[in-house]
Amino acid sequence: QAQLVESGGGLVQPGGSLRLSCAASGFPSEPYAIGWFRQAPGKEREGISCISSISGRTWYTDSVKGRFTISRDDAKNTVSLQMDSLNPGDTAVYFCAYKWRGDCSGRPKEYDYGYWGQGTQVTVSS
């Protein structure tokens, strides 16, 4: 059974760092993209980053560009999101999602991603 399992969320002070991981299992050996989304309280879920399995192409929304880095470890079937210089505006539930036979070609759209992780809370507060 295909599934995504996220880990790495938590409470961090402004200026701190967290590393989120998304472990994928049970998916067929097809090209795919992994997207990271987040949903802050009272706001819609937004796509913030993605990475392609074949080309390694990445994309970041402007608000995280230069602070967040997405990467993949094919041996471990894991995609990570390194988050540095965190600020209270980054507080949200973070989700990873899988787009089958897809590519990362801009802001990830929810309707393109058919499999979702359970979400992990990131809270940035002093």
PDB file of N, CA and C in Angstrom:
ATOM      1  N   GLN A   1       0.846  -1.186   0.000  1.00  0.00           N
ATOM      2  CA  GLN A   1       0.000   0.000   0.000  1.00  0.00           C
ATOM      3  C   GLN A   1       0.884   1.239   0.000  1.00  0.00           C
ATOM      4  N   ALA A   2       0.588   2.146  -0.919  1.00  0.00           N
ATOM      5  CA  ALA A   2       1.393   3.359  -1.016  1.00  0.00           C
ATOM      6  C   ALA A   2       1.122   4.274   0.162  1.00  0.00           C
ATOM      7  N   GLN A   3       2.183   4.828   0.708  1.00  0.00           N
ATOM      8  CA  GLN A   3       1.992   5.769   1.798  1.00  0.00           C
ATOM      9  C   GLN A   3       3.184   6.704   1.927  1.00  0.00           C
ATOM     10  N   LEU A   4       2.892   7.838   2.532  1.00  0.00           N
ATOM     11  CA  LEU A   4       3.901   8.834   2.845  1.00  0.00           C
ATOM     12  C   LEU A   4       3.868   9.065   4.345  1.00  0.00           C
ATOM     13  N   VAL A   5       5.026   9.089   4.956  1.00  0.00           N
ATOM     14  CA  VAL A   5       5.114   9.318   6.392  1.00  0.00           C
ATOM     15  C   VAL A   5       6.070  10.477   6.639  1.00  0.00           C
ATOM     16  N   GLU A   6       5.541  11.513   7.279  1.00  0.00           N
ATOM     17  CA  GLU A   6       6.350  12.695   7.568  1.00  0.00           C
ATOM     18  C   GLU A   6       6.888  12.632   8.983  1.00  0.00           C
ATOM     19  N   SER A   7       7.994  13.301   9.172  1.00  0.00           N
ATOM     20  CA  SER A   7       8.567  13.430  10.509  1.00  0.00           C
ATOM     21  C   SER A   7       9.402  14.709  10.557  1.00  0.00           C
ATOM     22  N   GLY A   8       9.710  15.143  11.780  1.00  0.00           N
ATOM     23  CA  GLY A   8      10.638  16.249  11.946  1.00  0.00           C
ATOM     24  C   GLY A   8      10.046  17.563  12.396  1.00  0.00           C
ATOM     25  N   GLY A   9       8.744  17.643  12.544  1.00  0.00           N
ATOM     26  CA  GLY A   9       8.154  18.891  13.004  1.00  0.00           C
ATOM     27  C   GLY A   9       8.442  19.133  14.477  1.00  0.00           C
ATOM     28  N   GLY A  10       8.024  20.294  14.967  1.00  0.00           N
ATOM     29  CA  GLY A  10       8.223  20.605  16.368  1.00  0.00           C
ATOM     30  C   GLY A  10       8.174  22.092  16.634  1.00  0.00           C
ATOM     31  N   LEU A  11       8.635  22.460  17.807  1.00  0.00           N
ATOM     32  CA  LEU A  11       8.674  23.853  18.256  1.00  0.00           C
ATOM     33  C   LEU A  11      10.101  24.367  18.142  1.00  0.00           C
ATOM     34  N   VAL A  12      10.250  25.531  17.524  1.00  0.00           N
ATOM     35  CA  VAL A  12      11.585  26.115  17.367  1.00  0.00           C
ATOM     36  C   VAL A  12      11.485  27.622  17.552  1.00  0.00           C
ATOM     37  N   GLN A  13      12.558  28.215  18.030  1.00  0.00           N
ATOM     38  CA  GLN A  13      12.587  29.666  18.212  1.00  0.00           C
ATOM     39  C   GLN A  13      12.827  30.370  16.883  1.00  0.00           C
ATOM     40  N   PRO A  14      12.389  31.607  16.767  1.00  0.00           N
ATOM     41  CA  PRO A  14      12.684  32.373  15.541  1.00  0.00           C
ATOM     42  C   PRO A  14      14.180  32.378  15.243  1.00  0.00           C
ATOM     43  N   GLY A  15      14.487  32.183  13.981  1.00  0.00           N
ATOM     44  CA  GLY A  15      15.875  32.093  13.562  1.00  0.00           C
ATOM     45  C   GLY A  15      16.426  30.692  13.570  1.00  0.00           C
ATOM     46  N   GLY A  16      15.677  29.766  14.125  1.00  0.00           N
ATOM     47  CA  GLY A  16      16.137  28.383  14.219  1.00  0.00           C
ATOM     48  C   GLY A  16      15.880  27.591  12.959  1.00  0.00           C
ATOM     49  N   SER A  17      16.191  26.302  13.037  1.00  0.00           N
ATOM     50  CA  SER A  17      16.079  25.402  11.891  1.00  0.00           C
ATOM     51  C   SER A  17      15.348  24.127  12.278  1.00  0.00           C
ATOM     52  N   LEU A  18      14.702  23.552  11.290  1.00  0.00           N
ATOM     53  CA  LEU A  18      14.100  22.230  11.403  1.00  0.00           C
ATOM     54  C   LEU A  18      14.298  21.523  10.074  1.00  0.00           C
ATOM     55  N   ARG A  19      14.317  20.210  10.161  1.00  0.00           N
ATOM     56  CA  ARG A  19      14.406  19.396   8.946  1.00  0.00           C
ATOM     57  C   ARG A  19      13.242  18.428   8.928  1.00  0.00           C
ATOM     58  N   LEU A  20      12.383  18.569   7.926  1.00  0.00           N
ATOM     59  CA  LEU A  20      11.259  17.656   7.750  1.00  0.00           C
ATOM     60  C   LEU A  20      11.654  16.553   6.775  1.00  0.00           C
ATOM     61  N   SER A  21      11.160  15.363   7.039  1.00  0.00           N
ATOM     62  CA  SER A  21      11.404  14.234   6.155  1.00  0.00           C
ATOM     63  C   SER A  21      10.084  13.627   5.715  1.00  0.00           C
ATOM     64  N   CYS A  22      10.076  13.108   4.505  1.00  0.00           N
ATOM     65  CA  CYS A  22       8.899  12.469   3.933  1.00  0.00           C
ATOM     66  C   CYS A  22       9.357  11.133   3.358  1.00  0.00           C
ATOM     67  N   ALA A  23       8.997  10.046   4.014  1.00  0.00           N
ATOM     68  CA  ALA A  23       9.396   8.714   3.576  1.00  0.00           C
ATOM     69  C   ALA A  23       8.283   8.090   2.754  1.00  0.00           C
ATOM     70  N   ALA A  24       8.618   7.695   1.547  1.00  0.00           N
ATOM     71  CA  ALA A  24       7.640   7.114   0.630  1.00  0.00           C
ATOM     72  C   ALA A  24       7.836   5.610   0.536  1.00  0.00           C
ATOM     73  N   SER A  25       6.741   4.889   0.490  1.00  0.00           N
ATOM     74  CA  SER A  25       6.816   3.439   0.327  1.00  0.00           C
ATOM     75  C   SER A  25       5.616   2.936  -0.459  1.00  0.00           C
ATOM     76  N   GLY A  26       5.815   1.839  -1.181  1.00  0.00           N
ATOM     77  CA  GLY A  26       4.720   1.199  -1.886  1.00  0.00           C
ATOM     78  C   GLY A  26       4.345   1.823  -3.215  1.00  0.00           C
ATOM     79  N   PHE A  27       5.123   2.763  -3.700  1.00  0.00           N
ATOM     80  CA  PHE A  27       4.807   3.408  -4.972  1.00  0.00           C
ATOM     81  C   PHE A  27       5.500   2.670  -6.118  1.00  0.00           C
ATOM     82  N   PRO A  28       4.889   2.690  -7.302  1.00  0.00           N
ATOM     83  CA  PRO A  28       5.531   2.052  -8.449  1.00  0.00           C
ATOM     84  C   PRO A  28       6.745   2.839  -8.918  1.00  0.00           C
ATOM     85  N   SER A  29       7.582   2.174  -9.688  1.00  0.00           N
ATOM     86  CA  SER A  29       8.795   2.821 -10.192  1.00  0.00           C
ATOM     87  C   SER A  29       8.471   3.646 -11.428  1.00  0.00           C
ATOM     88  N   GLU A  30       7.847   4.768 -11.211  1.00  0.00           N
ATOM     89  CA  GLU A  30       7.473   5.696 -12.269  1.00  0.00           C
ATOM     90  C   GLU A  30       8.005   7.073 -11.890  1.00  0.00           C
ATOM     91  N   PRO A  31       8.199   7.929 -12.886  1.00  0.00           N
ATOM     92  CA  PRO A  31       8.562   9.308 -12.555  1.00  0.00           C
ATOM     93  C   PRO A  31       7.523   9.941 -11.637  1.00  0.00           C
ATOM     94  N   TYR A  32       7.979  10.751 -10.729  1.00  0.00           N
ATOM     95  CA  TYR A  32       7.052  11.352  -9.780  1.00  0.00           C
ATOM     96  C   TYR A  32       7.610  12.697  -9.328  1.00  0.00           C
ATOM     97  N   ALA A  33       6.789  13.436  -8.674  1.00  0.00           N
ATOM     98  CA  ALA A  33       7.218  14.648  -7.986  1.00  0.00           C
ATOM     99  C   ALA A  33       6.721  14.578  -6.550  1.00  0.00           C
ATOM    100  N   ILE A  34       7.499  15.112  -5.662  1.00  0.00           N
ATOM    101  CA  ILE A  34       7.077  15.270  -4.271  1.00  0.00           C
ATOM    102  C   ILE A  34       6.913  16.762  -4.015  1.00  0.00           C
ATOM    103  N   GLY A  35       5.789  17.115  -3.461  1.00  0.00           N
ATOM    104  CA  GLY A  35       5.528  18.502  -3.116  1.00  0.00           C
ATOM    105  C   GLY A  35       5.403  18.669  -1.613  1.00  0.00           C
ATOM    106  N   TRP A  36       5.809  19.821  -1.142  1.00  0.00           N
ATOM    107  CA  TRP A  36       5.574  20.202   0.247  1.00  0.00           C
ATOM    108  C   TRP A  36       4.535  21.319   0.264  1.00  0.00           C
ATOM    109  N   PHE A  37       3.563  21.153   1.127  1.00  0.00           N
ATOM    110  CA  PHE A  37       2.506  22.137   1.314  1.00  0.00           C
ATOM    111  C   PHE A  37       2.476  22.520   2.787  1.00  0.00           C
ATOM    112  N   ARG A  38       1.859  23.642   3.064  1.00  0.00           N
ATOM    113  CA  ARG A  38       1.638  23.988   4.464  1.00  0.00           C
ATOM    114  C   ARG A  38       0.313  24.709   4.606  1.00  0.00           C
ATOM    115  N   GLN A  39      -0.257  24.571   5.786  1.00  0.00           N
ATOM    116  CA  GLN A  39      -1.523  25.233   6.080  1.00  0.00           C
ATOM    117  C   GLN A  39      -1.436  25.877   7.448  1.00  0.00           C
ATOM    118  N   ALA A  40      -1.467  27.194   7.436  1.00  0.00           N
ATOM    119  CA  ALA A  40      -1.450  27.960   8.676  1.00  0.00           C
ATOM    120  C   ALA A  40      -2.871  28.103   9.198  1.00  0.00           C
ATOM    121  N   PRO A  41      -3.036  28.349  10.502  1.00  0.00           N
ATOM    122  CA  PRO A  41      -4.377  28.503  11.071  1.00  0.00           C
ATOM    123  C   PRO A  41      -5.174  29.577  10.343  1.00  0.00           C
ATOM    124  N   GLY A  42      -6.372  29.230   9.932  1.00  0.00           N
ATOM    125  CA  GLY A  42      -7.250  30.176   9.274  1.00  0.00           C
ATOM    126  C   GLY A  42      -6.916  30.475   7.826  1.00  0.00           C
ATOM    127  N   LYS A  43      -5.940  29.772   7.277  1.00  0.00           N
ATOM    128  CA  LYS A  43      -5.527  30.024   5.893  1.00  0.00           C
ATOM    129  C   LYS A  43      -5.667  28.763   5.053  1.00  0.00           C
ATOM    130  N   GLU A  44      -5.681  28.968   3.740  1.00  0.00           N
ATOM    131  CA  GLU A  44      -5.739  27.836   2.835  1.00  0.00           C
ATOM    132  C   GLU A  44      -4.379  27.158   2.745  1.00  0.00           C
ATOM    133  N   ARG A  45      -4.409  25.899   2.379  1.00  0.00           N
ATOM    134  CA  ARG A  45      -3.168  25.176   2.181  1.00  0.00           C
ATOM    135  C   ARG A  45      -2.460  25.703   0.938  1.00  0.00           C
ATOM    136  N   GLU A  46      -1.161  25.899   1.048  1.00  0.00           N
ATOM    137  CA  GLU A  46      -0.392  26.425  -0.074  1.00  0.00           C
ATOM    138  C   GLU A  46       0.785  25.517  -0.388  1.00  0.00           C
ATOM    139  N   GLY A  47       1.076  25.401  -1.665  1.00  0.00           N
ATOM    140  CA  GLY A  47       2.244  24.661  -2.094  1.00  0.00           C
ATOM    141  C   GLY A  47       3.479  25.530  -1.958  1.00  0.00           C
ATOM    142  N   ILE A  48       4.523  25.023  -1.307  1.00  0.00           N
ATOM    143  CA  ILE A  48       5.701  25.843  -1.060  1.00  0.00           C
ATOM    144  C   ILE A  48       6.958  25.340  -1.752  1.00  0.00           C
ATOM    145  N   SER A  49       6.988  24.070  -2.132  1.00  0.00           N
ATOM    146  CA  SER A  49       8.189  23.546  -2.767  1.00  0.00           C
ATOM    147  C   SER A  49       7.878  22.203  -3.412  1.00  0.00           C
ATOM    148  N   CYS A  50       8.689  21.836  -4.395  1.00  0.00           N
ATOM    149  CA  CYS A  50       8.546  20.512  -4.994  1.00  0.00           C
ATOM    150  C   CYS A  50       9.880  20.097  -5.609  1.00  0.00           C
ATOM    151  N   ILE A  51       9.972  18.802  -5.895  1.00  0.00           N
ATOM    152  CA  ILE A  51      11.168  18.251  -6.523  1.00  0.00           C
ATOM    153  C   ILE A  51      10.756  17.110  -7.436  1.00  0.00           C
ATOM    154  N   SER A  52      11.431  17.001  -8.575  1.00  0.00           N
ATOM    155  CA  SER A  52      11.151  15.937  -9.541  1.00  0.00           C
ATOM    156  C   SER A  52      12.081  14.761  -9.311  1.00  0.00           C
ATOM    157  N   SER A  53      11.568  13.567  -9.544  1.00  0.00           N
ATOM    158  CA  SER A  53      12.363  12.361  -9.295  1.00  0.00           C
ATOM    159  C   SER A  53      13.413  12.131 -10.375  1.00  0.00           C
ATOM    160  N   ILE A  54      13.121  12.519 -11.611  1.00  0.00           N
ATOM    161  CA  ILE A  54      14.036  12.229 -12.707  1.00  0.00           C
ATOM    162  C   ILE A  54      15.031  13.368 -12.914  1.00  0.00           C
ATOM    163  N   SER A  55      14.514  14.561 -13.110  1.00  0.00           N
ATOM    164  CA  SER A  55      15.387  15.695 -13.418  1.00  0.00           C
ATOM    165  C   SER A  55      16.006  16.312 -12.185  1.00  0.00           C
ATOM    166  N   GLY A  56      15.389  16.099 -11.029  1.00  0.00           N
ATOM    167  CA  GLY A  56      15.859  16.770  -9.822  1.00  0.00           C
ATOM    168  C   GLY A  56      15.460  18.233  -9.756  1.00  0.00           C
ATOM    169  N   ARG A  57      14.639  18.661 -10.726  1.00  0.00           N
ATOM    170  CA  ARG A  57      14.187  20.054 -10.749  1.00  0.00           C
ATOM    171  C   ARG A  57      13.464  20.390  -9.461  1.00  0.00           C
ATOM    172  N   THR A  58      13.720  21.607  -8.969  1.00  0.00           N
ATOM    173  CA  THR A  58      13.071  22.063  -7.742  1.00  0.00           C
ATOM    174  C   THR A  58      12.376  23.388  -7.976  1.00  0.00           C
ATOM    175  N   TRP A  59      11.477  23.692  -7.091  1.00  0.00           N
ATOM    176  CA  TRP A  59      10.757  24.980  -7.133  1.00  0.00           C
ATOM    177  C   TRP A  59      10.469  25.396  -5.704  1.00  0.00           C
ATOM    178  N   TYR A  60      10.493  26.714  -5.449  1.00  0.00           N
ATOM    179  CA  TYR A  60      10.190  27.259  -4.126  1.00  0.00           C
ATOM    180  C   TYR A  60       9.295  28.479  -4.282  1.00  0.00           C
ATOM    181  N   THR A  61       8.365  28.618  -3.374  1.00  0.00           N
ATOM    182  CA  THR A  61       7.603  29.850  -3.342  1.00  0.00           C
ATOM    183  C   THR A  61       8.496  30.973  -2.812  1.00  0.00           C
ATOM    184  N   ASP A  62       8.193  32.194  -3.165  1.00  0.00           N
ATOM    185  CA  ASP A  62       9.077  33.308  -2.828  1.00  0.00           C
ATOM    186  C   ASP A  62       9.317  33.450  -1.324  1.00  0.00           C
ATOM    187  N   SER A  63       8.300  33.155  -0.540  1.00  0.00           N
ATOM    188  CA  SER A  63       8.419  33.389   0.903  1.00  0.00           C
ATOM    189  C   SER A  63       9.418  32.448   1.588  1.00  0.00           C
ATOM    190  N   VAL A  64       9.796  31.350   0.931  1.00  0.00           N
ATOM    191  CA  VAL A  64      10.750  30.420   1.546  1.00  0.00           C
ATOM    192  C   VAL A  64      12.051  30.323   0.751  1.00  0.00           C
ATOM    193  N   LYS A  65      12.081  30.939  -0.406  1.00  0.00           N
ATOM    194  CA  LYS A  65      13.272  30.860  -1.257  1.00  0.00           C
ATOM    195  C   LYS A  65      14.475  31.420  -0.517  1.00  0.00           C
ATOM    196  N   GLY A  66      15.575  30.674  -0.550  1.00  0.00           N
ATOM    197  CA  GLY A  66      16.790  31.089   0.135  1.00  0.00           C
ATOM    198  C   GLY A  66      16.862  30.638   1.582  1.00  0.00           C
ATOM    199  N   ARG A  67      15.731  30.171   2.117  1.00  0.00           N
ATOM    200  CA  ARG A  67      15.714  29.690   3.513  1.00  0.00           C
ATOM    201  C   ARG A  67      15.438  28.188   3.597  1.00  0.00           C
ATOM    202  N   PHE A  68      14.643  27.678   2.667  1.00  0.00           N
ATOM    203  CA  PHE A  68      14.283  26.264   2.657  1.00  0.00           C
ATOM    204  C   PHE A  68      15.007  25.569   1.504  1.00  0.00           C
ATOM    205  N   THR A  69      15.379  24.311   1.733  1.00  0.00           N
ATOM    206  CA  THR A  69      16.019  23.517   0.694  1.00  0.00           C
ATOM    207  C   THR A  69      15.380  22.145   0.649  1.00  0.00           C
ATOM    208  N   ILE A  70      14.907  21.774  -0.528  1.00  0.00           N
ATOM    209  CA  ILE A  70      14.310  20.451  -0.715  1.00  0.00           C
ATOM    210  C   ILE A  70      15.356  19.542  -1.343  1.00  0.00           C
ATOM    211  N   SER A  71      15.377  18.296  -0.909  1.00  0.00           N
ATOM    212  CA  SER A  71      16.336  17.337  -1.458  1.00  0.00           C
ATOM    213  C   SER A  71      15.745  15.936  -1.373  1.00  0.00           C
ATOM    214  N   ARG A  72      16.341  15.018  -2.113  1.00  0.00           N
ATOM    215  CA  ARG A  72      15.837  13.660  -2.050  1.00  0.00           C
ATOM    216  C   ARG A  72      16.990  12.690  -1.864  1.00  0.00           C
ATOM    217  N   ASP A  73      16.707  11.609  -1.192  1.00  0.00           N
ATOM    218  CA  ASP A  73      17.651  10.511  -0.993  1.00  0.00           C
ATOM    219  C   ASP A  73      17.006   9.270  -1.602  1.00  0.00           C
ATOM    220  N   ASP A  74      17.400   8.947  -2.817  1.00  0.00           N
ATOM    221  CA  ASP A  74      16.756   7.855  -3.535  1.00  0.00           C
ATOM    222  C   ASP A  74      16.979   6.512  -2.855  1.00  0.00           C
ATOM    223  N   ALA A  75      18.107   6.345  -2.213  1.00  0.00           N
ATOM    224  CA  ALA A  75      18.397   5.077  -1.540  1.00  0.00           C
ATOM    225  C   ALA A  75      17.429   4.829  -0.390  1.00  0.00           C
ATOM    226  N   LYS A  76      16.977   5.919   0.223  1.00  0.00           N
ATOM    227  CA  LYS A  76      16.066   5.798   1.360  1.00  0.00           C
ATOM    228  C   LYS A  76      14.628   6.133   0.987  1.00  0.00           C
ATOM    229  N   ASN A  77      14.397   6.445  -0.290  1.00  0.00           N
ATOM    230  CA  ASN A  77      13.049   6.849  -0.736  1.00  0.00           C
ATOM    231  C   ASN A  77      12.492   7.961   0.142  1.00  0.00           C
ATOM    232  N   THR A  78      13.328   8.929   0.397  1.00  0.00           N
ATOM    233  CA  THR A  78      12.963  10.018   1.303  1.00  0.00           C
ATOM    234  C   THR A  78      13.230  11.364   0.643  1.00  0.00           C
ATOM    235  N   VAL A  79      12.309  12.275   0.856  1.00  0.00           N
ATOM    236  CA  VAL A  79      12.495  13.671   0.449  1.00  0.00           C
ATOM    237  C   VAL A  79      12.502  14.511   1.713  1.00  0.00           C
ATOM    238  N   SER A  80      13.463  15.402   1.813  1.00  0.00           N
ATOM    239  CA  SER A  80      13.601  16.242   2.995  1.00  0.00           C
ATOM    240  C   SER A  80      13.385  17.706   2.657  1.00  0.00           C
ATOM    241  N   LEU A  81      12.976  18.439   3.657  1.00  0.00           N
ATOM    242  CA  LEU A  81      12.834  19.891   3.525  1.00  0.00           C
ATOM    243  C   LEU A  81      13.604  20.515   4.684  1.00  0.00           C
ATOM    244  N   GLN A  82      14.771  21.051   4.379  1.00  0.00           N
ATOM    245  CA  GLN A  82      15.582  21.739   5.377  1.00  0.00           C
ATOM    246  C   GLN A  82      15.078  23.168   5.484  1.00  0.00           C
ATOM    247  N   MET A  83      14.688  23.564   6.690  1.00  0.00           N
ATOM    248  CA  MET A  83      14.102  24.889   6.892  1.00  0.00           C
ATOM    249  C   MET A  83      14.998  25.686   7.838  1.00  0.00           C
ATOM    250  N   ASP A  84      15.578  26.748   7.340  1.00  0.00           N
ATOM    251  CA  ASP A  84      16.467  27.607   8.122  1.00  0.00           C
ATOM    252  C   ASP A  84      15.857  29.001   8.266  1.00  0.00           C
ATOM    253  N   SER A  85      16.396  29.751   9.194  1.00  0.00           N
ATOM    254  CA  SER A  85      15.942  31.122   9.438  1.00  0.00           C
ATOM    255  C   SER A  85      14.423  31.180   9.585  1.00  0.00           C
ATOM    256  N   LEU A  86      13.897  30.287  10.371  1.00  0.00           N
ATOM    257  CA  LEU A  86      12.448  30.213  10.539  1.00  0.00           C
ATOM    258  C   LEU A  86      11.927  31.442  11.270  1.00  0.00           C
ATOM    259  N   ASN A  87      10.729  31.835  10.900  1.00  0.00           N
ATOM    260  CA  ASN A  87      10.066  32.957  11.565  1.00  0.00           C
ATOM    261  C   ASN A  87       8.630  32.560  11.900  1.00  0.00           C
ATOM    262  N   PRO A  88       7.971  33.333  12.753  1.00  0.00           N
ATOM    263  CA  PRO A  88       6.611  32.951  13.171  1.00  0.00           C
ATOM    264  C   PRO A  88       5.653  32.754  12.000  1.00  0.00           C
ATOM    265  N   GLY A  89       5.902  33.423  10.894  1.00  0.00           N
ATOM    266  CA  GLY A  89       5.055  33.260   9.708  1.00  0.00           C
ATOM    267  C   GLY A  89       5.145  31.883   9.083  1.00  0.00           C
ATOM    268  N   ASP A  90       6.132  31.097   9.491  1.00  0.00           N
ATOM    269  CA  ASP A  90       6.275  29.739   8.973  1.00  0.00           C
ATOM    270  C   ASP A  90       5.473  28.729   9.795  1.00  0.00           C
ATOM    271  N   THR A  91       4.851  29.183  10.861  1.00  0.00           N
ATOM    272  CA  THR A  91       4.057  28.283  11.698  1.00  0.00           C
ATOM    273  C   THR A  91       2.885  27.727  10.895  1.00  0.00           C
ATOM    274  N   ALA A  92       2.797  26.418  10.835  1.00  0.00           N
ATOM    275  CA  ALA A  92       1.765  25.757  10.024  1.00  0.00           C
ATOM    276  C   ALA A  92       1.878  24.254  10.204  1.00  0.00           C
ATOM    277  N   VAL A  93       0.871  23.559   9.692  1.00  0.00           N
ATOM    278  CA  VAL A  93       0.990  22.117   9.520  1.00  0.00           C
ATOM    279  C   VAL A  93       1.567  21.886   8.129  1.00  0.00           C
ATOM    280  N   TYR A  94       2.618  21.107   8.083  1.00  0.00           N
ATOM    281  CA  TYR A  94       3.315  20.837   6.822  1.00  0.00           C
ATOM    282  C   TYR A  94       2.965  19.436   6.331  1.00  0.00           C
ATOM    283  N   PHE A  95       2.687  19.358   5.038  1.00  0.00           N
ATOM    284  CA  PHE A  95       2.308  18.106   4.401  1.00  0.00           C
ATOM    285  C   PHE A  95       3.244  17.829   3.224  1.00  0.00           C
ATOM    286  N   CYS A  96       3.607  16.575   3.051  1.00  0.00           N
ATOM    287  CA  CYS A  96       4.227  16.192   1.792  1.00  0.00           C
ATOM    288  C   CYS A  96       3.183  15.422   0.980  1.00  0.00           C
ATOM    289  N   ALA A  97       3.345  15.466  -0.325  1.00  0.00           N
ATOM    290  CA  ALA A  97       2.387  14.832  -1.217  1.00  0.00           C
ATOM    291  C   ALA A  97       3.103  14.309  -2.457  1.00  0.00           C
ATOM    292  N   TYR A  98       2.498  13.338  -3.089  1.00  0.00           N
ATOM    293  CA  TYR A  98       3.112  12.601  -4.197  1.00  0.00           C
ATOM    294  C   TYR A  98       2.289  12.792  -5.466  1.00  0.00           C
ATOM    295  N   LYS A  99       2.983  13.156  -6.541  1.00  0.00           N
ATOM    296  CA  LYS A  99       2.342  13.286  -7.839  1.00  0.00           C
ATOM    297  C   LYS A  99       2.885  12.191  -8.752  1.00  0.00           C
ATOM    298  N   TRP A 100       2.032  11.253  -9.079  1.00  0.00           N
ATOM    299  CA  TRP A 100       2.440  10.100  -9.874  1.00  0.00           C
ATOM    300  C   TRP A 100       2.614  10.480 -11.331  1.00  0.00           C
ATOM    301  N   ARG A 101       3.693  10.011 -11.916  1.00  0.00           N
ATOM    302  CA  ARG A 101       4.009  10.322 -13.313  1.00  0.00           C
ATOM    303  C   ARG A 101       4.023  11.831 -13.535  1.00  0.00           C
ATOM    304  N   GLY A 102       4.495  12.538 -12.558  1.00  0.00           N
ATOM    305  CA  GLY A 102       4.462  13.986 -12.653  1.00  0.00           C
ATOM    306  C   GLY A 102       5.830  14.607 -12.548  1.00  0.00           C
ATOM    307  N   ASP A 103       5.860  15.897 -12.722  1.00  0.00           N
ATOM    308  CA  ASP A 103       7.083  16.672 -12.689  1.00  0.00           C
ATOM    309  C   ASP A 103       6.869  17.881 -11.792  1.00  0.00           C
ATOM    310  N   CYS A 104       7.949  18.439 -11.347  1.00  0.00           N
ATOM    311  CA  CYS A 104       7.897  19.693 -10.595  1.00  0.00           C
ATOM    312  C   CYS A 104       8.149  20.810 -11.586  1.00  0.00           C
ATOM    313  N   SER A 105       7.094  21.556 -11.908  1.00  0.00           N
ATOM    314  CA  SER A 105       7.224  22.573 -12.943  1.00  0.00           C
ATOM    315  C   SER A 105       6.621  23.886 -12.504  1.00  0.00           C
ATOM    316  N   GLY A 106       6.687  24.167 -11.218  1.00  0.00           N
ATOM    317  CA  GLY A 106       6.106  25.398 -10.699  1.00  0.00           C
ATOM    318  C   GLY A 106       5.398  25.101  -9.395  1.00  0.00           C
ATOM    319  N   ARG A 107       4.601  26.057  -8.951  1.00  0.00           N
ATOM    320  CA  ARG A 107       3.926  25.889  -7.664  1.00  0.00           C
ATOM    321  C   ARG A 107       3.111  24.604  -7.668  1.00  0.00           C
ATOM    322  N   PRO A 108       3.355  23.706  -6.698  1.00  0.00           N
ATOM    323  CA  PRO A 108       2.555  22.483  -6.648  1.00  0.00           C
ATOM    324  C   PRO A 108       1.095  22.802  -6.361  1.00  0.00           C
ATOM    325  N   LYS A 109       0.224  22.130  -7.115  1.00  0.00           N
ATOM    326  CA  LYS A 109      -1.216  22.314  -6.964  1.00  0.00           C
ATOM    327  C   LYS A 109      -1.797  21.098  -6.266  1.00  0.00           C
ATOM    328  N   GLU A 110      -2.667  21.326  -5.318  1.00  0.00           N
ATOM    329  CA  GLU A 110      -3.230  20.218  -4.544  1.00  0.00           C
ATOM    330  C   GLU A 110      -3.850  19.152  -5.433  1.00  0.00           C
ATOM    331  N   TYR A 111      -4.566  19.565  -6.471  1.00  0.00           N
ATOM    332  CA  TYR A 111      -5.311  18.582  -7.271  1.00  0.00           C
ATOM    333  C   TYR A 111      -4.394  17.695  -8.103  1.00  0.00           C
ATOM    334  N   ASP A 112      -3.138  18.047  -8.234  1.00  0.00           N
ATOM    335  CA  ASP A 112      -2.191  17.218  -8.982  1.00  0.00           C
ATOM    336  C   ASP A 112      -1.600  16.094  -8.133  1.00  0.00           C
ATOM    337  N   TYR A 113      -1.758  16.195  -6.827  1.00  0.00           N
ATOM    338  CA  TYR A 113      -1.093  15.273  -5.915  1.00  0.00           C
ATOM    339  C   TYR A 113      -2.122  14.324  -5.307  1.00  0.00           C
ATOM    340  N   GLY A 114      -1.942  13.038  -5.593  1.00  0.00           N
ATOM    341  CA  GLY A 114      -2.956  12.075  -5.212  1.00  0.00           C
ATOM    342  C   GLY A 114      -2.727  11.381  -3.887  1.00  0.00           C
ATOM    343  N   TYR A 115      -1.518  11.467  -3.367  1.00  0.00           N
ATOM    344  CA  TYR A 115      -1.215  10.827  -2.096  1.00  0.00           C
ATOM    345  C   TYR A 115      -0.634  11.866  -1.144  1.00  0.00           C
ATOM    346  N   TRP A 116      -1.083  11.782   0.100  1.00  0.00           N
ATOM    347  CA  TRP A 116      -0.704  12.796   1.075  1.00  0.00           C
ATOM    348  C   TRP A 116      -0.228  12.146   2.361  1.00  0.00           C
ATOM    349  N   GLY A 117       0.736  12.778   2.994  1.00  0.00           N
ATOM    350  CA  GLY A 117       1.132  12.379   4.323  1.00  0.00           C
ATOM    351  C   GLY A 117       0.151  12.913   5.348  1.00  0.00           C
ATOM    352  N   GLN A 118       0.388  12.563   6.589  1.00  0.00           N
ATOM    353  CA  GLN A 118      -0.553  12.910   7.658  1.00  0.00           C
ATOM    354  C   GLN A 118      -0.375  14.337   8.160  1.00  0.00           C
ATOM    355  N   GLY A 119       0.724  14.951   7.802  1.00  0.00           N
ATOM    356  CA  GLY A 119       0.983  16.320   8.261  1.00  0.00           C
ATOM    357  C   GLY A 119       1.812  16.332   9.535  1.00  0.00           C
ATOM    358  N   THR A 120       2.630  17.352   9.662  1.00  0.00           N
ATOM    359  CA  THR A 120       3.439  17.524  10.874  1.00  0.00           C
ATOM    360  C   THR A 120       3.433  18.999  11.258  1.00  0.00           C
ATOM    361  N   GLN A 121       3.252  19.255  12.540  1.00  0.00           N
ATOM    362  CA  GLN A 121       3.128  20.630  13.027  1.00  0.00           C
ATOM    363  C   GLN A 121       4.503  21.268  13.183  1.00  0.00           C
ATOM    364  N   VAL A 122       4.637  22.465  12.646  1.00  0.00           N
ATOM    365  CA  VAL A 122       5.818  23.291  12.857  1.00  0.00           C
ATOM    366  C   VAL A 122       5.365  24.575  13.528  1.00  0.00           C
ATOM    367  N   THR A 123       5.924  24.862  14.691  1.00  0.00           N
ATOM    368  CA  THR A 123       5.577  26.068  15.430  1.00  0.00           C
ATOM    369  C   THR A 123       6.848  26.860  15.690  1.00  0.00           C
ATOM    370  N   VAL A 124       6.836  28.113  15.236  1.00  0.00           N
ATOM    371  CA  VAL A 124       7.983  28.994  15.430  1.00  0.00           C
ATOM    372  C   VAL A 124       7.568  30.073  16.420  1.00  0.00           C
ATOM    373  N   SER A 125       8.148  30.016  17.608  1.00  0.00           N
ATOM    374  CA  SER A 125       7.738  30.930  18.662  1.00  0.00           C
ATOM    375  C   SER A 125       8.850  31.044  19.692  1.00  0.00           C
ATOM    376  N   SER A 126       8.930  32.232  20.291  1.00  0.00           N
ATOM    377  CA  SER A 126       9.887  32.423  21.373  1.00  0.00           C
ATOM    378  C   SER A 126       9.229  32.172  22.725  1.00  0.00           C
TER     379      SER A 126
END
